[in-house]
C-alpha cells in the first residue's frame, strides 16, 4: 500500500512577516477614514471625550485627540524641554564661569 504525498503550500518568509505584523493602537476608540468623512461629529460624540485612532486599511493613520488632552500634552512637552534646558545649564564646569562685578552689568 503506497502512501500518497500531500502537497504543502509553502509561504515565503516575506509574506509571513507581513501577515504577522501587529500594529499597536493607542486609543480605546477606532474609526475608518471613510466613516470620519461621512459623519465627523457623530464619531467625536461617540468617543465620549476620548482619543480616536483613525484607520486606513486597518492601520492607524492619525489620532483624533480632544482639545484639552492636546493642550495638556503640549504643556507637558514644553515643561519637559524646559527641564532639559535647565539641567544642561546647571551642568557646568568651574572653568566655564566668568567673574563679573555688578558695576560691569
N, C-alpha and C. Protein backbone atom coordinates (compact mmCIF):
# COMPACT_ATOMS: atom_id res chain seq x y z
N UNK A 1 0.85 -1.18 0.00
CA UNK A 1 0.00 0.00 0.00
C UNK A 1 0.90 1.24 0.00
N UNK A 2 0.72 2.09 -0.96
CA UNK A 2 1.54 3.29 -1.07
C UNK A 2 0.85 4.46 -0.38
N UNK A 3 1.65 5.32 0.12
CA UNK A 3 1.16 6.49 0.84
C UNK A 3 1.28 7.70 -0.09
N UNK A 4 0.17 8.24 -0.57
CA UNK A 4 0.28 9.39 -1.48
C UNK A 4 0.82 10.62 -0.74
N UNK A 5 1.72 11.33 -1.40
CA UNK A 5 2.30 12.53 -0.78
C UNK A 5 1.32 13.68 -0.89
N UNK A 6 1.18 14.38 0.22
CA UNK A 6 0.32 15.56 0.20
C UNK A 6 1.14 16.76 -0.26
N UNK A 7 0.52 17.59 -1.06
CA UNK A 7 1.19 18.82 -1.48
C UNK A 7 0.98 19.87 -0.41
N UNK A 8 2.06 20.48 -0.02
CA UNK A 8 2.02 21.52 1.01
C UNK A 8 2.40 22.83 0.36
N UNK A 9 1.57 23.83 0.58
CA UNK A 9 1.85 25.15 0.04
C UNK A 9 2.83 25.85 0.97
N UNK A 10 3.92 26.31 0.42
CA UNK A 10 4.94 26.99 1.20
C UNK A 10 4.77 28.49 0.98
N UNK A 11 4.68 29.19 2.10
CA UNK A 11 4.51 30.64 2.05
C UNK A 11 5.86 31.29 2.28
N UNK A 12 6.31 32.15 1.38
CA UNK A 12 7.60 32.82 1.56
C UNK A 12 7.64 33.62 2.86
N UNK A 13 8.83 33.71 3.42
CA UNK A 13 9.03 34.39 4.69
C UNK A 13 8.58 35.85 4.65
N UNK A 14 8.76 36.52 3.49
CA UNK A 14 8.34 37.92 3.37
C UNK A 14 6.83 38.05 3.61
N UNK A 15 6.08 37.13 3.06
CA UNK A 15 4.63 37.18 3.21
C UNK A 15 4.26 36.93 4.67
N UNK A 16 4.91 35.98 5.32
CA UNK A 16 4.62 35.70 6.72
C UNK A 16 4.90 36.92 7.59
N UNK A 17 5.97 37.62 7.30
CA UNK A 17 6.28 38.83 8.07
C UNK A 17 5.17 39.85 7.93
N UNK A 18 4.64 39.99 6.72
CA UNK A 18 3.56 40.95 6.51
C UNK A 18 2.29 40.51 7.22
N UNK A 19 2.03 39.22 7.26
CA UNK A 19 0.81 38.72 7.88
C UNK A 19 0.83 38.92 9.39
N UNK A 20 1.97 38.70 10.02
CA UNK A 20 2.04 38.67 11.48
C UNK A 20 2.50 39.98 12.11
N UNK A 21 2.58 41.05 11.35
CA UNK A 21 2.93 42.33 11.94
C UNK A 21 1.72 42.85 12.69
N UNK A 22 1.93 43.13 13.96
CA UNK A 22 0.84 43.64 14.79
C UNK A 22 1.06 45.13 14.98
N UNK A 23 0.05 45.88 14.67
CA UNK A 23 0.11 47.33 14.82
C UNK A 23 -0.51 47.71 16.14
N UNK A 24 0.21 48.47 16.91
CA UNK A 24 -0.27 48.92 18.21
C UNK A 24 -1.15 50.14 18.02
N UNK A 25 -2.35 50.09 18.60
CA UNK A 25 -3.28 51.21 18.51
C UNK A 25 -3.38 51.82 19.90
N UNK A 26 -3.07 53.10 19.99
CA UNK A 26 -3.00 53.78 21.28
C UNK A 26 -4.26 54.59 21.57
N UNK A 27 -5.41 53.97 21.37
CA UNK A 27 -6.69 54.63 21.65
C UNK A 27 -7.72 53.56 21.95
N UNK A 28 -8.71 53.92 22.72
CA UNK A 28 -9.79 52.98 23.04
C UNK A 28 -10.84 52.92 21.93
N UNK A 29 -10.88 53.94 21.09
CA UNK A 29 -11.86 54.01 20.02
C UNK A 29 -11.15 54.09 18.67
N UNK A 30 -11.72 53.43 17.67
CA UNK A 30 -11.18 53.49 16.32
C UNK A 30 -12.32 53.76 15.34
N UNK A 31 -11.96 54.33 14.21
CA UNK A 31 -12.91 54.53 13.12
C UNK A 31 -12.12 54.60 11.83
N UNK A 32 -12.81 54.37 10.73
CA UNK A 32 -12.15 54.45 9.43
C UNK A 32 -12.20 55.89 8.92
N UNK A 33 -11.34 56.16 7.97
CA UNK A 33 -11.33 57.50 7.36
C UNK A 33 -12.66 57.76 6.68
N UNK A 34 -13.20 56.75 6.01
CA UNK A 34 -14.48 56.96 5.31
C UNK A 34 -15.61 57.25 6.29
N UNK A 35 -15.61 56.59 7.45
CA UNK A 35 -16.64 56.86 8.46
C UNK A 35 -16.47 58.27 9.03
N UNK A 36 -15.25 58.69 9.21
CA UNK A 36 -14.98 60.05 9.69
C UNK A 36 -15.46 61.09 8.68
N UNK A 37 -15.26 60.81 7.39
CA UNK A 37 -15.73 61.72 6.34
C UNK A 37 -17.25 61.82 6.34
N UNK A 38 -17.92 60.68 6.53
CA UNK A 38 -19.39 60.65 6.49
C UNK A 38 -20.00 61.47 7.62
N UNK A 39 -19.49 61.25 8.82
CA UNK A 39 -20.13 61.87 9.98
C UNK A 39 -19.12 62.19 11.08
N UNK A 40 -18.33 63.25 10.88
CA UNK A 40 -17.29 63.57 11.87
C UNK A 40 -17.84 63.89 13.25
N UNK A 41 -18.95 64.60 13.31
CA UNK A 41 -19.48 64.99 14.63
C UNK A 41 -19.98 63.78 15.41
N UNK A 42 -20.58 62.81 14.74
CA UNK A 42 -21.06 61.63 15.47
C UNK A 42 -19.90 60.75 15.93
N UNK A 43 -18.81 60.70 15.15
CA UNK A 43 -17.62 59.95 15.57
C UNK A 43 -17.06 60.55 16.85
N UNK A 44 -16.94 61.87 16.88
CA UNK A 44 -16.42 62.56 18.06
C UNK A 44 -17.35 62.36 19.25
N UNK A 45 -18.63 62.49 19.02
CA UNK A 45 -19.63 62.33 20.08
C UNK A 45 -19.60 60.93 20.68
N UNK A 46 -19.48 59.91 19.82
CA UNK A 46 -19.48 58.52 20.29
C UNK A 46 -18.23 58.15 21.09
N UNK A 47 -17.17 58.91 20.96
CA UNK A 47 -15.93 58.62 21.69
C UNK A 47 -15.97 59.12 23.13
N UNK A 48 -16.98 59.88 23.47
CA UNK A 48 -17.15 60.37 24.85
C UNK A 48 -15.92 61.08 25.40
N UNK A 49 -15.33 61.94 24.58
CA UNK A 49 -14.20 62.74 25.05
C UNK A 49 -12.86 62.02 25.09
N UNK A 50 -12.78 60.84 24.50
CA UNK A 50 -11.51 60.11 24.46
C UNK A 50 -10.89 60.22 23.07
N UNK A 51 -9.63 59.82 22.98
CA UNK A 51 -8.91 59.85 21.70
C UNK A 51 -9.44 58.77 20.76
N UNK A 52 -9.33 59.02 19.46
CA UNK A 52 -9.82 58.10 18.45
C UNK A 52 -8.69 57.82 17.46
N UNK A 53 -8.45 56.55 17.18
CA UNK A 53 -7.48 56.18 16.15
C UNK A 53 -8.22 56.14 14.82
N UNK A 54 -7.72 56.87 13.84
CA UNK A 54 -8.29 56.88 12.50
C UNK A 54 -7.53 55.84 11.68
N UNK A 55 -8.24 54.84 11.18
CA UNK A 55 -7.60 53.73 10.48
C UNK A 55 -7.74 53.87 8.96
N UNK A 56 -6.66 53.53 8.29
CA UNK A 56 -6.64 53.45 6.83
C UNK A 56 -6.10 52.06 6.49
N UNK A 57 -6.92 51.22 5.89
CA UNK A 57 -6.57 49.82 5.62
C UNK A 57 -6.18 49.10 6.91
N UNK A 58 -6.96 49.35 7.95
CA UNK A 58 -6.80 48.72 9.27
C UNK A 58 -5.48 49.05 9.96
N UNK A 59 -4.86 50.15 9.59
CA UNK A 59 -3.65 50.62 10.26
C UNK A 59 -3.89 52.07 10.68
N UNK A 60 -3.43 52.46 11.85
CA UNK A 60 -3.63 53.84 12.29
C UNK A 60 -2.90 54.82 11.37
N UNK A 61 -3.64 55.79 10.87
CA UNK A 61 -3.02 56.81 10.03
C UNK A 61 -3.00 58.16 10.74
N UNK A 62 -3.85 58.30 11.77
CA UNK A 62 -3.89 59.55 12.54
C UNK A 62 -4.64 59.28 13.85
N UNK A 63 -4.49 60.21 14.76
CA UNK A 63 -5.25 60.16 16.01
C UNK A 63 -6.03 61.46 16.15
N UNK A 64 -7.26 61.34 16.53
CA UNK A 64 -8.11 62.49 16.79
C UNK A 64 -8.17 62.63 18.30
N UNK A 65 -7.61 63.73 18.81
CA UNK A 65 -7.45 63.92 20.25
C UNK A 65 -8.27 65.11 20.70
N UNK A 66 -9.02 64.98 21.81
CA UNK A 66 -9.78 66.13 22.32
C UNK A 66 -8.85 67.32 22.61
N UNK A 67 -9.37 68.51 22.45
CA UNK A 67 -8.53 69.71 22.58
C UNK A 67 -7.89 69.84 23.96
N UNK A 68 -8.59 69.50 25.05
CA UNK A 68 -7.99 69.63 26.38
C UNK A 68 -6.84 68.64 26.56
N UNK A 69 -6.95 67.46 26.01
CA UNK A 69 -5.87 66.46 26.08
C UNK A 69 -4.67 66.96 25.29
N UNK A 70 -4.93 67.49 24.10
CA UNK A 70 -3.84 68.01 23.26
C UNK A 70 -3.13 69.17 23.96
N UNK A 71 -3.88 70.09 24.53
CA UNK A 71 -3.28 71.22 25.23
C UNK A 71 -2.43 70.76 26.41
N UNK A 72 -2.91 69.77 27.16
CA UNK A 72 -2.13 69.23 28.28
C UNK A 72 -0.85 68.55 27.79
N UNK A 73 -0.95 67.82 26.68
CA UNK A 73 0.24 67.17 26.12
C UNK A 73 1.28 68.21 25.69
N UNK A 74 0.84 69.28 25.06
CA UNK A 74 1.77 70.33 24.62
C UNK A 74 2.42 71.01 25.81
N UNK A 75 1.65 71.23 26.87
CA UNK A 75 2.20 71.85 28.07
C UNK A 75 3.24 70.92 28.73
N UNK A 76 2.94 69.63 28.77
CA UNK A 76 3.89 68.67 29.34
C UNK A 76 5.18 68.61 28.52
N UNK A 77 5.06 68.64 27.19
CA UNK A 77 6.25 68.64 26.34
C UNK A 77 7.08 69.91 26.54
N UNK A 78 6.40 71.04 26.64
CA UNK A 78 7.08 72.31 26.87
C UNK A 78 7.84 72.27 28.19
N UNK A 79 7.21 71.77 29.24
CA UNK A 79 7.86 71.66 30.55
C UNK A 79 9.04 70.69 30.50
N UNK A 80 8.89 69.60 29.77
CA UNK A 80 9.97 68.63 29.64
C UNK A 80 11.20 69.29 28.99
N UNK A 81 10.99 69.99 27.86
CA UNK A 81 12.11 70.63 27.18
C UNK A 81 12.72 71.74 28.02
N UNK A 82 11.91 72.44 28.77
CA UNK A 82 12.42 73.47 29.67
C UNK A 82 13.30 72.83 30.76
N UNK A 83 12.85 71.71 31.31
CA UNK A 83 13.64 71.00 32.33
C UNK A 83 14.97 70.52 31.75
N UNK A 84 14.96 70.05 30.51
CA UNK A 84 16.20 69.61 29.87
C UNK A 84 17.17 70.78 29.72
N UNK A 85 16.65 71.95 29.36
CA UNK A 85 17.48 73.13 29.21
C UNK A 85 18.06 73.55 30.55
N UNK A 86 17.26 73.50 31.60
CA UNK A 86 17.73 73.85 32.94
C UNK A 86 18.84 72.89 33.37
N UNK A 87 18.65 71.59 33.14
CA UNK A 87 19.68 70.60 33.50
C UNK A 87 20.98 70.85 32.76
N UNK A 88 20.89 71.17 31.46
CA UNK A 88 22.09 71.46 30.69
C UNK A 88 22.82 72.67 31.24
N UNK A 89 22.08 73.69 31.61
CA UNK A 89 22.71 74.92 32.09
C UNK A 89 23.26 74.77 33.51
N UNK A 90 22.69 73.87 34.29
CA UNK A 90 23.22 73.63 35.64
C UNK A 90 24.44 72.72 35.62
N UNK A 91 24.64 72.01 34.54
CA UNK A 91 25.76 71.09 34.41
C UNK A 91 26.92 71.85 33.76
N UNK A 92 27.67 72.59 34.57
CA UNK A 92 28.77 73.40 34.05
C UNK A 92 30.04 73.10 34.84
N UNK A 93 31.15 73.51 34.28
CA UNK A 93 32.46 73.37 34.94
C UNK A 93 32.84 74.73 35.52
N UNK A 94 33.64 74.68 36.53
CA UNK A 94 34.11 75.94 37.16
C UNK A 94 34.87 76.79 36.14
N UNK A 95 35.56 76.13 35.22
CA UNK A 95 36.34 76.87 34.22
C UNK A 95 35.45 77.62 33.22
N UNK A 96 34.17 77.22 33.14
CA UNK A 96 33.24 77.89 32.22
C UNK A 96 32.72 79.21 32.78
N UNK A 97 32.90 79.43 34.09
CA UNK A 97 32.35 80.62 34.74
C UNK A 97 33.19 81.85 34.43
N UNK A 98 32.52 82.98 34.31
CA UNK A 98 33.19 84.26 34.08
C UNK A 98 32.84 85.16 35.26
N UNK A 99 33.87 85.71 35.88
CA UNK A 99 33.64 86.58 37.03
C UNK A 99 33.29 87.99 36.54
N UNK A 100 32.19 88.51 37.07
CA UNK A 100 31.70 89.82 36.65
C UNK A 100 31.27 90.58 37.90
N UNK A 101 31.56 91.87 37.93
CA UNK A 101 31.09 92.69 39.07
C UNK A 101 29.75 93.31 38.70
N UNK A 102 29.01 93.73 39.70
CA UNK A 102 27.70 94.35 39.47
C UNK A 102 27.84 95.65 38.71
N UNK A 103 28.93 96.34 38.89
CA UNK A 103 29.14 97.61 38.18
C UNK A 103 29.28 97.40 36.67
N UNK A 104 29.82 96.25 36.30
CA UNK A 104 30.01 95.96 34.87
C UNK A 104 28.69 95.62 34.18
N UNK A 105 27.71 95.22 34.95
CA UNK A 105 26.43 94.87 34.35
C UNK A 105 25.66 96.09 34.07
